Amino acid sequence: RVPDMPVKGEGVERLQQVLHVPRHT
């Protein structure tokens, strides 16, 4: 299992912008 831990700090906003991907990708 991938540890379910939040990302903190810089870069979060940019990551959220690029995470629009199809399901099951």
mmCIF file of all heavy atoms, coordinates in Angstrom:
data_MODEL
# 
_entry.id   MODEL 
# 
loop_
_atom_site.group_PDB 
_atom_site.id 
_atom_site.type_symbol 
_atom_site.label_atom_id 
_atom_site.label_alt_id 
_atom_site.label_comp_id 
_atom_site.label_asym_id 
_atom_site.label_entity_id 
_atom_site.label_seq_id 
_atom_site.pdbx_PDB_ins_code 
_atom_site.Cartn_x 
_atom_site.Cartn_y 
_atom_site.Cartn_z 
_atom_site.occupancy 
_atom_site.B_iso_or_equiv 
_atom_site.pdbx_formal_charge 
_atom_site.auth_seq_id 
_atom_site.auth_comp_id 
_atom_site.auth_asym_id 
_atom_site.auth_atom_id 
_atom_site.pdbx_PDB_model_num 
ATOM 1   N N   . ARG A 1 1  ? 0.843   -1.191 0.000   1.00 0.00 ? 1  ARG A N   1 
ATOM 2   C CA  . ARG A 1 1  ? 0.000   0.000  0.000   1.00 0.00 ? 1  ARG A CA  1 
ATOM 3   C C   . ARG A 1 1  ? 0.883   1.247  0.000   1.00 0.00 ? 1  ARG A C   1 
ATOM 4   O O   . ARG A 1 1  ? 1.899   1.313  0.683   1.00 0.00 ? 1  ARG A O   1 
ATOM 5   C CB  . ARG A 1 1  ? -0.887  -0.025 1.248   1.00 0.00 ? 1  ARG A CB  1 
ATOM 6   C CG  . ARG A 1 1  ? -1.495  1.301  1.639   1.00 0.00 ? 1  ARG A CG  1 
ATOM 7   C CD  . ARG A 1 1  ? -2.116  1.207  3.013   1.00 0.00 ? 1  ARG A CD  1 
ATOM 8   N NE  . ARG A 1 1  ? -2.268  2.538  3.612   1.00 0.00 ? 1  ARG A NE  1 
ATOM 9   C CZ  . ARG A 1 1  ? -1.326  3.147  4.305   1.00 0.00 ? 1  ARG A CZ  1 
ATOM 10  N NH1 . ARG A 1 1  ? -0.163  2.549  4.513   1.00 0.00 ? 1  ARG A NH1 1 
ATOM 11  N NH2 . ARG A 1 1  ? -1.543  4.350  4.811   1.00 0.00 ? 1  ARG A NH2 1 
ATOM 12  N N   . VAL A 1 2  ? 0.480   2.234  -0.799  1.00 0.00 ? 2  VAL A N   1 
ATOM 13  C CA  . VAL A 1 2  ? 1.204   3.499  -0.810  1.00 0.00 ? 2  VAL A CA  1 
ATOM 14  C C   . VAL A 1 2  ? 0.839   4.279  0.448   1.00 0.00 ? 2  VAL A C   1 
ATOM 15  O O   . VAL A 1 2  ? -0.342  4.496  0.704   1.00 0.00 ? 2  VAL A O   1 
ATOM 16  C CB  . VAL A 1 2  ? 0.842   4.329  -2.054  1.00 0.00 ? 2  VAL A CB  1 
ATOM 17  C CG1 . VAL A 1 2  ? 1.542   5.682  -2.014  1.00 0.00 ? 2  VAL A CG1 1 
ATOM 18  C CG2 . VAL A 1 2  ? 1.219   3.576  -3.313  1.00 0.00 ? 2  VAL A CG2 1 
ATOM 19  N N   . PRO A 1 3  ? 1.815   4.691  1.252   1.00 0.00 ? 3  PRO A N   1 
ATOM 20  C CA  . PRO A 1 3  ? 1.487   5.471  2.451   1.00 0.00 ? 3  PRO A CA  1 
ATOM 21  C C   . PRO A 1 3  ? 0.670   6.690  2.088   1.00 0.00 ? 3  PRO A C   1 
ATOM 22  O O   . PRO A 1 3  ? 1.021   7.452  1.193   1.00 0.00 ? 3  PRO A O   1 
ATOM 23  C CB  . PRO A 1 3  ? 2.871   5.857  3.004   1.00 0.00 ? 3  PRO A CB  1 
ATOM 24  C CG  . PRO A 1 3  ? 3.784   4.797  2.485   1.00 0.00 ? 3  PRO A CG  1 
ATOM 25  C CD  . PRO A 1 3  ? 3.255   4.444  1.130   1.00 0.00 ? 3  PRO A CD  1 
ATOM 26  N N   . ASP A 1 4  ? -0.414  6.887  2.777   1.00 0.00 ? 4  ASP A N   1 
ATOM 27  C CA  . ASP A 1 4  ? -1.355  7.960  2.473   1.00 0.00 ? 4  ASP A CA  1 
ATOM 28  C C   . ASP A 1 4  ? -0.985  9.179  3.301   1.00 0.00 ? 4  ASP A C   1 
ATOM 29  O O   . ASP A 1 4  ? -1.531  9.416  4.366   1.00 0.00 ? 4  ASP A O   1 
ATOM 30  C CB  . ASP A 1 4  ? -2.779  7.496  2.780   1.00 0.00 ? 4  ASP A CB  1 
ATOM 31  C CG  . ASP A 1 4  ? -3.832  8.494  2.325   1.00 0.00 ? 4  ASP A CG  1 
ATOM 32  O OD1 . ASP A 1 4  ? -3.432  9.543  1.778   1.00 0.00 ? 4  ASP A OD1 1 
ATOM 33  O OD2 . ASP A 1 4  ? -5.017  8.243  2.519   1.00 0.00 ? 4  ASP A OD2 1 
ATOM 34  N N   . MET A 1 5  ? -0.018  9.954  2.788   1.00 0.00 ? 5  MET A N   1 
ATOM 35  C CA  . MET A 1 5  ? 0.458   11.116 3.531   1.00 0.00 ? 5  MET A CA  1 
ATOM 36  C C   . MET A 1 5  ? 0.347   12.350 2.650   1.00 0.00 ? 5  MET A C   1 
ATOM 37  O O   . MET A 1 5  ? 0.601   12.290 1.452   1.00 0.00 ? 5  MET A O   1 
ATOM 38  C CB  . MET A 1 5  ? 1.907   10.915 3.977   1.00 0.00 ? 5  MET A CB  1 
ATOM 39  C CG  . MET A 1 5  ? 2.097   9.721  4.887   1.00 0.00 ? 5  MET A CG  1 
ATOM 40  S SD  . MET A 1 5  ? 3.766   9.592  5.518   1.00 0.00 ? 5  MET A SD  1 
ATOM 41  C CE  . MET A 1 5  ? 3.798   10.984 6.650   1.00 0.00 ? 5  MET A CE  1 
ATOM 42  N N   . PRO A 1 6  ? -0.025  13.489 3.220   1.00 0.00 ? 6  PRO A N   1 
ATOM 43  C CA  . PRO A 1 6  ? -0.221  14.692 2.406   1.00 0.00 ? 6  PRO A CA  1 
ATOM 44  C C   . PRO A 1 6  ? 1.091   15.335 2.006   1.00 0.00 ? 6  PRO A C   1 
ATOM 45  O O   . PRO A 1 6  ? 2.066   15.317 2.744   1.00 0.00 ? 6  PRO A O   1 
ATOM 46  C CB  . PRO A 1 6  ? -1.009  15.609 3.346   1.00 0.00 ? 6  PRO A CB  1 
ATOM 47  C CG  . PRO A 1 6  ? -0.559  15.193 4.709   1.00 0.00 ? 6  PRO A CG  1 
ATOM 48  C CD  . PRO A 1 6  ? -0.331  13.699 4.628   1.00 0.00 ? 6  PRO A CD  1 
ATOM 49  N N   . VAL A 1 7  ? 1.115   15.891 0.807   1.00 0.00 ? 7  VAL A N   1 
ATOM 50  C CA  . VAL A 1 7  ? 2.236   16.704 0.370   1.00 0.00 ? 7  VAL A CA  1 
ATOM 51  C C   . VAL A 1 7  ? 2.109   18.083 0.998   1.00 0.00 ? 7  VAL A C   1 
ATOM 52  O O   . VAL A 1 7  ? 1.033   18.669 0.996   1.00 0.00 ? 7  VAL A O   1 
ATOM 53  C CB  . VAL A 1 7  ? 2.258   16.820 -1.167  1.00 0.00 ? 7  VAL A CB  1 
ATOM 54  C CG1 . VAL A 1 7  ? 3.240   17.905 -1.604  1.00 0.00 ? 7  VAL A CG1 1 
ATOM 55  C CG2 . VAL A 1 7  ? 2.640   15.490 -1.774  1.00 0.00 ? 7  VAL A CG2 1 
ATOM 56  N N   . LYS A 1 8  ? 3.196   18.588 1.526   1.00 0.00 ? 8  LYS A N   1 
ATOM 57  C CA  . LYS A 1 8  ? 3.190   19.911 2.131   1.00 0.00 ? 8  LYS A CA  1 
ATOM 58  C C   . LYS A 1 8  ? 4.285   20.766 1.488   1.00 0.00 ? 8  LYS A C   1 
ATOM 59  O O   . LYS A 1 8  ? 5.248   20.259 0.948   1.00 0.00 ? 8  LYS A O   1 
ATOM 60  C CB  . LYS A 1 8  ? 3.410   19.806 3.643   1.00 0.00 ? 8  LYS A CB  1 
ATOM 61  C CG  . LYS A 1 8  ? 2.342   19.006 4.377   1.00 0.00 ? 8  LYS A CG  1 
ATOM 62  C CD  . LYS A 1 8  ? 2.639   18.928 5.852   1.00 0.00 ? 8  LYS A CD  1 
ATOM 63  C CE  . LYS A 1 8  ? 1.577   18.119 6.580   1.00 0.00 ? 8  LYS A CE  1 
ATOM 64  N NZ  . LYS A 1 8  ? 1.870   17.989 8.038   1.00 0.00 ? 8  LYS A NZ  1 
ATOM 65  N N   . GLY A 1 9  ? 4.113   22.046 1.572   1.00 0.00 ? 9  GLY A N   1 
ATOM 66  C CA  . GLY A 1 9  ? 5.146   22.939 1.071   1.00 0.00 ? 9  GLY A CA  1 
ATOM 67  C C   . GLY A 1 9  ? 4.881   23.415 -0.335  1.00 0.00 ? 9  GLY A C   1 
ATOM 68  O O   . GLY A 1 9  ? 3.779   23.323 -0.865  1.00 0.00 ? 9  GLY A O   1 
ATOM 69  N N   . GLU A 1 10 ? 5.931   23.941 -0.969  1.00 0.00 ? 10 GLU A N   1 
ATOM 70  C CA  . GLU A 1 10 ? 5.805   24.518 -2.297  1.00 0.00 ? 10 GLU A CA  1 
ATOM 71  C C   . GLU A 1 10 ? 5.532   23.437 -3.342  1.00 0.00 ? 10 GLU A C   1 
ATOM 72  O O   . GLU A 1 10 ? 5.895   22.292 -3.195  1.00 0.00 ? 10 GLU A O   1 
ATOM 73  C CB  . GLU A 1 10 ? 7.096   25.256 -2.660  1.00 0.00 ? 10 GLU A CB  1 
ATOM 74  C CG  . GLU A 1 10 ? 7.408   26.429 -1.731  1.00 0.00 ? 10 GLU A CG  1 
ATOM 75  C CD  . GLU A 1 10 ? 8.709   27.108 -2.097  1.00 0.00 ? 10 GLU A CD  1 
ATOM 76  O OE1 . GLU A 1 10 ? 9.424   26.580 -2.951  1.00 0.00 ? 10 GLU A OE1 1 
ATOM 77  O OE2 . GLU A 1 10 ? 9.000   28.152 -1.504  1.00 0.00 ? 10 GLU A OE2 1 
ATOM 78  N N   . GLY A 1 11 ? 4.913   23.841 -4.418  1.00 0.00 ? 11 GLY A N   1 
ATOM 79  C CA  . GLY A 1 11 ? 4.686   22.930 -5.526  1.00 0.00 ? 11 GLY A CA  1 
ATOM 80  C C   . GLY A 1 11 ? 3.342   22.252 -5.527  1.00 0.00 ? 11 GLY A C   1 
ATOM 81  O O   . GLY A 1 11 ? 2.964   21.629 -6.521  1.00 0.00 ? 11 GLY A O   1 
ATOM 82  N N   . VAL A 1 12 ? 2.583   22.350 -4.437  1.00 0.00 ? 12 VAL A N   1 
ATOM 83  C CA  . VAL A 1 12 ? 1.305   21.661 -4.354  1.00 0.00 ? 12 VAL A CA  1 
ATOM 84  C C   . VAL A 1 12 ? 0.321   22.212 -5.386  1.00 0.00 ? 12 VAL A C   1 
ATOM 85  O O   . VAL A 1 12 ? -0.372  21.452 -6.073  1.00 0.00 ? 12 VAL A O   1 
ATOM 86  C CB  . VAL A 1 12 ? 0.711   21.768 -2.936  1.00 0.00 ? 12 VAL A CB  1 
ATOM 87  C CG1 . VAL A 1 12 ? -0.677  21.150 -2.894  1.00 0.00 ? 12 VAL A CG1 1 
ATOM 88  C CG2 . VAL A 1 12 ? 1.628   21.088 -1.932  1.00 0.00 ? 12 VAL A CG2 1 
ATOM 89  N N   . GLU A 1 13 ? 0.264   23.535 -5.511  1.00 0.00 ? 13 GLU A N   1 
ATOM 90  C CA  . GLU A 1 13 ? -0.689  24.134 -6.446  1.00 0.00 ? 13 GLU A CA  1 
ATOM 91  C C   . GLU A 1 13 ? -0.401  23.681 -7.876  1.00 0.00 ? 13 GLU A C   1 
ATOM 92  O O   . GLU A 1 13 ? -1.314  23.358 -8.637  1.00 0.00 ? 13 GLU A O   1 
ATOM 93  C CB  . GLU A 1 13 ? -0.623  25.654 -6.353  1.00 0.00 ? 13 GLU A CB  1 
ATOM 94  C CG  . GLU A 1 13 ? -1.635  26.358 -7.260  1.00 0.00 ? 13 GLU A CG  1 
ATOM 95  C CD  . GLU A 1 13 ? -1.609  27.860 -7.093  1.00 0.00 ? 13 GLU A CD  1 
ATOM 96  O OE1 . GLU A 1 13 ? -0.890  28.329 -6.191  1.00 0.00 ? 13 GLU A OE1 1 
ATOM 97  O OE2 . GLU A 1 13 ? -2.282  28.558 -7.864  1.00 0.00 ? 13 GLU A OE2 1 
ATOM 98  N N   . ARG A 1 14 ? 0.876   23.662 -8.236  1.00 0.00 ? 14 ARG A N   1 
ATOM 99  C CA  . ARG A 1 14 ? 1.240   23.236 -9.589  1.00 0.00 ? 14 ARG A CA  1 
ATOM 100 C C   . ARG A 1 14 ? 0.867   21.774 -9.808  1.00 0.00 ? 14 ARG A C   1 
ATOM 101 O O   . ARG A 1 14 ? 0.346   21.398 -10.866 1.00 0.00 ? 14 ARG A O   1 
ATOM 102 C CB  . ARG A 1 14 ? 2.740   23.443 -9.808  1.00 0.00 ? 14 ARG A CB  1 
ATOM 103 C CG  . ARG A 1 14 ? 3.281   22.871 -11.117 1.00 0.00 ? 14 ARG A CG  1 
ATOM 104 C CD  . ARG A 1 14 ? 2.597   23.492 -12.312 1.00 0.00 ? 14 ARG A CD  1 
ATOM 105 N NE  . ARG A 1 14 ? 3.090   22.901 -13.558 1.00 0.00 ? 14 ARG A NE  1 
ATOM 106 C CZ  . ARG A 1 14 ? 2.411   22.905 -14.683 1.00 0.00 ? 14 ARG A CZ  1 
ATOM 107 N NH1 . ARG A 1 14 ? 1.216   23.458 -14.733 1.00 0.00 ? 14 ARG A NH1 1 
ATOM 108 N NH2 . ARG A 1 14 ? 2.929   22.367 -15.767 1.00 0.00 ? 14 ARG A NH2 1 
ATOM 109 N N   . LEU A 1 15 ? 1.101   20.939 -8.824  1.00 0.00 ? 15 LEU A N   1 
ATOM 110 C CA  . LEU A 1 15 ? 0.770   19.524 -8.950  1.00 0.00 ? 15 LEU A CA  1 
ATOM 111 C C   . LEU A 1 15 ? -0.726  19.339 -9.127  1.00 0.00 ? 15 LEU A C   1 
ATOM 112 O O   . LEU A 1 15 ? -1.180  18.515 -9.928  1.00 0.00 ? 15 LEU A O   1 
ATOM 113 C CB  . LEU A 1 15 ? 1.255   18.758 -7.717  1.00 0.00 ? 15 LEU A CB  1 
ATOM 114 C CG  . LEU A 1 15 ? 2.759   18.535 -7.637  1.00 0.00 ? 15 LEU A CG  1 
ATOM 115 C CD1 . LEU A 1 15 ? 3.129   17.973 -6.278  1.00 0.00 ? 15 LEU A CD1 1 
ATOM 116 C CD2 . LEU A 1 15 ? 3.214   17.587 -8.732  1.00 0.00 ? 15 LEU A CD2 1 
ATOM 117 N N   . GLN A 1 16 ? -1.509  20.106 -8.400  1.00 0.00 ? 16 GLN A N   1 
ATOM 118 C CA  . GLN A 1 16 ? -2.956  19.987 -8.521  1.00 0.00 ? 16 GLN A CA  1 
ATOM 119 C C   . GLN A 1 16 ? -3.427  20.363 -9.921  1.00 0.00 ? 16 GLN A C   1 
ATOM 120 O O   . GLN A 1 16 ? -4.383  19.808 -10.442 1.00 0.00 ? 16 GLN A O   1 
ATOM 121 C CB  . GLN A 1 16 ? -3.636  20.861 -7.473  1.00 0.00 ? 16 GLN A CB  1 
ATOM 122 C CG  . GLN A 1 16 ? -3.436  20.363 -6.048  1.00 0.00 ? 16 GLN A CG  1 
ATOM 123 C CD  . GLN A 1 16 ? -3.994  21.312 -5.003  1.00 0.00 ? 16 GLN A CD  1 
ATOM 124 O OE1 . GLN A 1 16 ? -4.119  22.505 -5.261  1.00 0.00 ? 16 GLN A OE1 1 
ATOM 125 N NE2 . GLN A 1 16 ? -4.314  20.795 -3.845  1.00 0.00 ? 16 GLN A NE2 1 
ATOM 126 N N   . GLN A 1 17 ? -2.716  21.303 -10.563 1.00 0.00 ? 17 GLN A N   1 
ATOM 127 C CA  . GLN A 1 17 ? -3.106  21.729 -11.900 1.00 0.00 ? 17 GLN A CA  1 
ATOM 128 C C   . GLN A 1 17 ? -2.866  20.648 -12.949 1.00 0.00 ? 17 GLN A C   1 
ATOM 129 O O   . GLN A 1 17 ? -3.584  20.576 -13.942 1.00 0.00 ? 17 GLN A O   1 
ATOM 130 C CB  . GLN A 1 17 ? -2.344  23.001 -12.284 1.00 0.00 ? 17 GLN A CB  1 
ATOM 131 C CG  . GLN A 1 17 ? -2.728  24.228 -11.455 1.00 0.00 ? 17 GLN A CG  1 
ATOM 132 C CD  . GLN A 1 17 ? -1.848  25.415 -11.765 1.00 0.00 ? 17 GLN A CD  1 
ATOM 133 O OE1 . GLN A 1 17 ? -0.907  25.324 -12.542 1.00 0.00 ? 17 GLN A OE1 1 
ATOM 134 N NE2 . GLN A 1 17 ? -2.154  26.541 -11.124 1.00 0.00 ? 17 GLN A NE2 1 
ATOM 135 N N   . VAL A 1 18 ? -1.844  19.819 -12.746 1.00 0.00 ? 18 VAL A N   1 
ATOM 136 C CA  . VAL A 1 18 ? -1.497  18.840 -13.785 1.00 0.00 ? 18 VAL A CA  1 
ATOM 137 C C   . VAL A 1 18 ? -2.119  17.473 -13.541 1.00 0.00 ? 18 VAL A C   1 
ATOM 138 O O   . VAL A 1 18 ? -1.914  16.558 -14.328 1.00 0.00 ? 18 VAL A O   1 
ATOM 139 C CB  . VAL A 1 18 ? 0.041   18.681 -13.900 1.00 0.00 ? 18 VAL A CB  1 
ATOM 140 C CG1 . VAL A 1 18 ? 0.676   20.004 -14.239 1.00 0.00 ? 18 VAL A CG1 1 
ATOM 141 C CG2 . VAL A 1 18 ? 0.628   18.101 -12.617 1.00 0.00 ? 18 VAL A CG2 1 
ATOM 142 N N   . LEU A 1 19 ? -2.891  17.329 -12.464 1.00 0.00 ? 19 LEU A N   1 
ATOM 143 C CA  . LEU A 1 19 ? -3.415  16.008 -12.126 1.00 0.00 ? 19 LEU A CA  1 
ATOM 144 C C   . LEU A 1 19 ? -4.785  15.721 -12.735 1.00 0.00 ? 19 LEU A C   1 
ATOM 145 O O   . LEU A 1 19 ? -5.509  14.882 -12.234 1.00 0.00 ? 19 LEU A O   1 
ATOM 146 C CB  . LEU A 1 19 ? -3.483  15.842 -10.603 1.00 0.00 ? 19 LEU A CB  1 
ATOM 147 C CG  . LEU A 1 19 ? -2.135  15.657 -9.932  1.00 0.00 ? 19 LEU A CG  1 
ATOM 148 C CD1 . LEU A 1 19 ? -2.309  15.510 -8.430  1.00 0.00 ? 19 LEU A CD1 1 
ATOM 149 C CD2 . LEU A 1 19 ? -1.414  14.455 -10.482 1.00 0.00 ? 19 LEU A CD2 1 
ATOM 150 N N   . HIS A 1 20 ? -5.146  16.399 -13.793 1.00 0.00 ? 20 HIS A N   1 
ATOM 151 C CA  . HIS A 1 20 ? -6.420  16.131 -14.450 1.00 0.00 ? 20 HIS A CA  1 
ATOM 152 C C   . HIS A 1 20 ? -6.182  15.059 -15.509 1.00 0.00 ? 20 HIS A C   1 
ATOM 153 O O   . HIS A 1 20 ? -5.872  15.351 -16.660 1.00 0.00 ? 20 HIS A O   1 
ATOM 154 C CB  . HIS A 1 20 ? -6.985  17.403 -15.071 1.00 0.00 ? 20 HIS A CB  1 
ATOM 155 C CG  . HIS A 1 20 ? -7.273  18.465 -14.058 1.00 0.00 ? 20 HIS A CG  1 
ATOM 156 N ND1 . HIS A 1 20 ? -8.249  18.331 -13.098 1.00 0.00 ? 20 HIS A ND1 1 
ATOM 157 C CD2 . HIS A 1 20 ? -6.693  19.662 -13.831 1.00 0.00 ? 20 HIS A CD2 1 
ATOM 158 C CE1 . HIS A 1 20 ? -8.277  19.408 -12.333 1.00 0.00 ? 20 HIS A CE1 1 
ATOM 159 N NE2 . HIS A 1 20 ? -7.335  20.225 -12.758 1.00 0.00 ? 20 HIS A NE2 1 
ATOM 160 N N   . VAL A 1 21 ? -6.313  13.817 -15.107 1.00 0.00 ? 21 VAL A N   1 
ATOM 161 C CA  . VAL A 1 21 ? -6.015  12.688 -16.001 1.00 0.00 ? 21 VAL A CA  1 
ATOM 162 C C   . VAL A 1 21 ? -7.217  11.765 -16.059 1.00 0.00 ? 21 VAL A C   1 
ATOM 163 O O   . VAL A 1 21 ? -8.069  11.771 -15.176 1.00 0.00 ? 21 VAL A O   1 
ATOM 164 C CB  . VAL A 1 21 ? -4.784  11.911 -15.495 1.00 0.00 ? 21 VAL A CB  1 
ATOM 165 C CG1 . VAL A 1 21 ? -3.558  12.782 -15.514 1.00 0.00 ? 21 VAL A CG1 1 
ATOM 166 C CG2 . VAL A 1 21 ? -5.025  11.365 -14.096 1.00 0.00 ? 21 VAL A CG2 1 
ATOM 167 N N   . PRO A 1 22 ? -7.306  10.947 -17.105 1.00 0.00 ? 22 PRO A N   1 
ATOM 168 C CA  . PRO A 1 22 ? -8.434  10.014 -17.210 1.00 0.00 ? 22 PRO A CA  1 
ATOM 169 C C   . PRO A 1 22 ? -8.417  8.994  -16.084 1.00 0.00 ? 22 PRO A C   1 
ATOM 170 O O   . PRO A 1 22 ? -7.380  8.689  -15.507 1.00 0.00 ? 22 PRO A O   1 
ATOM 171 C CB  . PRO A 1 22 ? -8.211  9.335  -18.570 1.00 0.00 ? 22 PRO A CB  1 
ATOM 172 C CG  . PRO A 1 22 ? -7.277  10.243 -19.306 1.00 0.00 ? 22 PRO A CG  1 
ATOM 173 C CD  . PRO A 1 22 ? -6.432  10.880 -18.274 1.00 0.00 ? 22 PRO A CD  1 
ATOM 174 N N   . ARG A 1 23 ? -9.565  8.454  -15.790 1.00 0.00 ? 23 ARG A N   1 
ATOM 175 C CA  . ARG A 1 23 ? -9.645  7.397  -14.786 1.00 0.00 ? 23 ARG A CA  1 
ATOM 176 C C   . ARG A 1 23 ? -8.817  6.200  -15.237 1.00 0.00 ? 23 ARG A C   1 
ATOM 177 O O   . ARG A 1 23 ? -8.713  5.915  -16.429 1.00 0.00 ? 23 ARG A O   1 
ATOM 178 C CB  . ARG A 1 23 ? -11.093 6.960  -14.584 1.00 0.00 ? 23 ARG A CB  1 
ATOM 179 C CG  . ARG A 1 23 ? -11.935 8.012  -13.860 1.00 0.00 ? 23 ARG A CG  1 
ATOM 180 C CD  . ARG A 1 23 ? -13.380 7.611  -13.846 1.00 0.00 ? 23 ARG A CD  1 
ATOM 181 N NE  . ARG A 1 23 ? -14.199 8.611  -13.163 1.00 0.00 ? 23 ARG A NE  1 
ATOM 182 C CZ  . ARG A 1 23 ? -15.511 8.675  -13.239 1.00 0.00 ? 23 ARG A CZ  1 
ATOM 183 N NH1 . ARG A 1 23 ? -16.165 7.791  -13.966 1.00 0.00 ? 23 ARG A NH1 1 
ATOM 184 N NH2 . ARG A 1 23 ? -16.177 9.606  -12.603 1.00 0.00 ? 23 ARG A NH2 1 
ATOM 185 N N   . HIS A 1 24 ? -8.271  5.518  -14.253 1.00 0.00 ? 24 HIS A N   1 
ATOM 186 C CA  . HIS A 1 24 ? -7.487  4.314  -14.460 1.00 0.00 ? 24 HIS A CA  1 
ATOM 187 C C   . HIS A 1 24 ? -6.113  4.593  -15.060 1.00 0.00 ? 24 HIS A C   1 
ATOM 188 O O   . HIS A 1 24 ? -5.395  3.675  -15.374 1.00 0.00 ? 24 HIS A O   1 
ATOM 189 C CB  . HIS A 1 24 ? -8.213  3.283  -15.337 1.00 0.00 ? 24 HIS A CB  1 
ATOM 190 C CG  . HIS A 1 24 ? -9.572  2.933  -14.848 1.00 0.00 ? 24 HIS A CG  1 
ATOM 191 N ND1 . HIS A 1 24 ? -9.796  2.452  -13.592 1.00 0.00 ? 24 HIS A ND1 1 
ATOM 192 C CD2 . HIS A 1 24 ? -10.782 3.027  -15.439 1.00 0.00 ? 24 HIS A CD2 1 
ATOM 193 C CE1 . HIS A 1 24 ? -11.093 2.250  -13.436 1.00 0.00 ? 24 HIS A CE1 1 
ATOM 194 N NE2 . HIS A 1 24 ? -11.705 2.595  -14.539 1.00 0.00 ? 24 HIS A NE2 1 
ATOM 195 N N   . THR A 1 25 ? -5.768  5.849  -15.236 1.00 0.00 ? 25 THR A N   1 
ATOM 196 C CA  . THR A 1 25 ? -4.421  6.159  -15.696 1.00 0.00 ? 25 THR A CA  1 
ATOM 197 C C   . THR A 1 25 ? -3.482  6.098  -14.499 1.00 0.00 ? 25 THR A C   1 
ATOM 198 O O   . THR A 1 25 ? -3.719  6.736  -13.485 1.00 0.00 ? 25 THR A O   1 
ATOM 199 C CB  . THR A 1 25 ? -4.356  7.556  -16.335 1.00 0.00 ? 25 THR A CB  1 
ATOM 200 O OG1 . THR A 1 25 ? -5.213  7.586  -17.469 1.00 0.00 ? 25 THR A OG1 1 
ATOM 201 C CG2 . THR A 1 25 ? -2.941  7.881  -16.772 1.00 0.00 ? 25 THR A CG2 1 
# 
